[in-house]
């Protein structure tokens, strides 16, 4: 039963996505708007030293900004608890 509900929900999302295609010019404009703010731009990257080497990468904040600009996207997560033995 749950699988049928998940399939129906996915089919609805696909239908809505086809009816409302993404405007890539708008996506780029939204991203540029966010990254043009120097304070916000600094939060999009992390940097730390490991064994004398500088490690730099995109932070989860950058992912949040891309997610919000992209629109029409589904994400999810779950927590699995394991019984202690």
Protein backbone atom coordinates (compact mmCIF):
# COMPACT_ATOMS: atom_id res chain seq x y z
CA UNK A 1 0.00 0.00 0.00
CA UNK A 2 2.76 2.48 0.94
CA UNK A 3 4.56 1.80 -2.36
CA UNK A 4 1.42 2.71 -4.34
CA UNK A 5 1.13 5.99 -2.41
CA UNK A 6 4.81 6.77 -3.07
CA UNK A 7 4.37 5.99 -6.78
CA UNK A 8 1.27 8.20 -6.97
CA UNK A 9 3.07 11.06 -5.24
CA UNK A 10 6.06 10.72 -7.56
CA UNK A 11 3.79 10.65 -10.62
CA UNK A 12 2.13 13.87 -9.42
CA UNK A 13 5.52 15.57 -8.97
CA UNK A 14 6.61 14.48 -12.46
CA UNK A 15 3.37 15.81 -13.94
CA UNK A 16 3.79 19.16 -12.16
CA UNK A 17 7.42 19.39 -13.28
CA UNK A 18 6.40 18.84 -16.91
CA UNK A 19 3.66 21.46 -16.66
CA UNK A 20 6.04 23.98 -15.05
CA UNK A 21 9.46 23.66 -16.70
CA UNK A 22 12.45 25.24 -14.96
CA UNK A 23 13.56 28.66 -16.21
CA UNK A 24 17.36 28.42 -16.18
CA UNK A 25 17.79 32.18 -16.60
CA UNK A 26 15.79 32.68 -13.41
CA UNK A 27 17.80 29.97 -11.61
CA UNK A 28 21.08 31.67 -12.58
CA UNK A 29 19.73 35.07 -11.52
CA UNK A 30 18.69 33.71 -8.12
CA UNK A 31 22.10 32.12 -7.56
CA UNK A 32 23.93 35.29 -8.62
CA UNK A 33 21.76 37.32 -6.26
CA UNK A 34 22.78 35.13 -3.32
CA UNK A 35 26.48 34.90 -4.12
CA UNK A 36 26.80 38.65 -4.69
CA UNK A 37 26.30 39.18 -0.94
CA UNK A 38 29.86 38.99 0.46
CA UNK A 39 28.78 37.90 3.95
CA UNK A 40 26.59 35.12 2.58
CA UNK A 41 29.22 34.10 0.02
CA UNK A 42 31.74 33.47 2.80
CA UNK A 43 29.41 30.94 4.41
CA UNK A 44 29.30 28.84 1.24
CA UNK A 45 32.79 27.42 1.71
CA UNK A 46 34.76 25.72 4.43
CA UNK A 47 38.50 25.60 4.92
CA UNK A 48 40.68 23.82 7.47
CA UNK A 49 44.12 22.26 7.76
CA UNK A 50 44.71 18.53 7.93
CA UNK A 51 48.25 17.27 8.24
CA UNK A 52 49.71 20.57 7.05
CA UNK A 53 47.48 20.63 3.95
CA UNK A 54 44.68 23.17 3.48
CA UNK A 55 41.34 21.51 2.67
CA UNK A 56 38.73 23.74 0.96
CA UNK A 57 35.27 22.80 -0.24
CA UNK A 58 31.66 23.76 -0.72
CA UNK A 59 29.60 23.90 2.48
CA UNK A 60 26.08 22.73 3.08
CA UNK A 61 25.09 26.42 2.91
CA UNK A 62 26.01 26.45 -0.79
CA UNK A 63 23.86 23.35 -1.28
CA UNK A 64 20.95 25.11 0.43
CA UNK A 65 21.28 28.12 -1.86
CA UNK A 66 21.44 25.97 -4.98
CA UNK A 67 18.44 23.96 -3.76
CA UNK A 68 16.36 27.08 -3.17
CA UNK A 69 17.31 28.59 -6.54
CA UNK A 70 16.76 25.35 -8.46
CA UNK A 71 13.20 24.82 -7.24
CA UNK A 72 10.92 21.90 -8.16
CA UNK A 73 13.14 19.38 -6.42
CA UNK A 74 12.51 16.74 -3.79
CA UNK A 75 14.97 15.77 -1.11
CA UNK A 76 14.64 13.55 1.87
CA UNK A 77 16.45 11.72 4.57
CA UNK A 78 15.76 9.15 7.20
CA UNK A 79 17.36 7.94 10.37
CA UNK A 80 17.81 4.26 10.88
CA UNK A 81 18.00 3.09 14.46
CA UNK A 82 19.65 -0.18 15.20
CA UNK A 83 18.87 -2.29 18.20
CA UNK A 84 21.73 -2.72 20.62
CA UNK A 85 22.86 -6.27 21.11
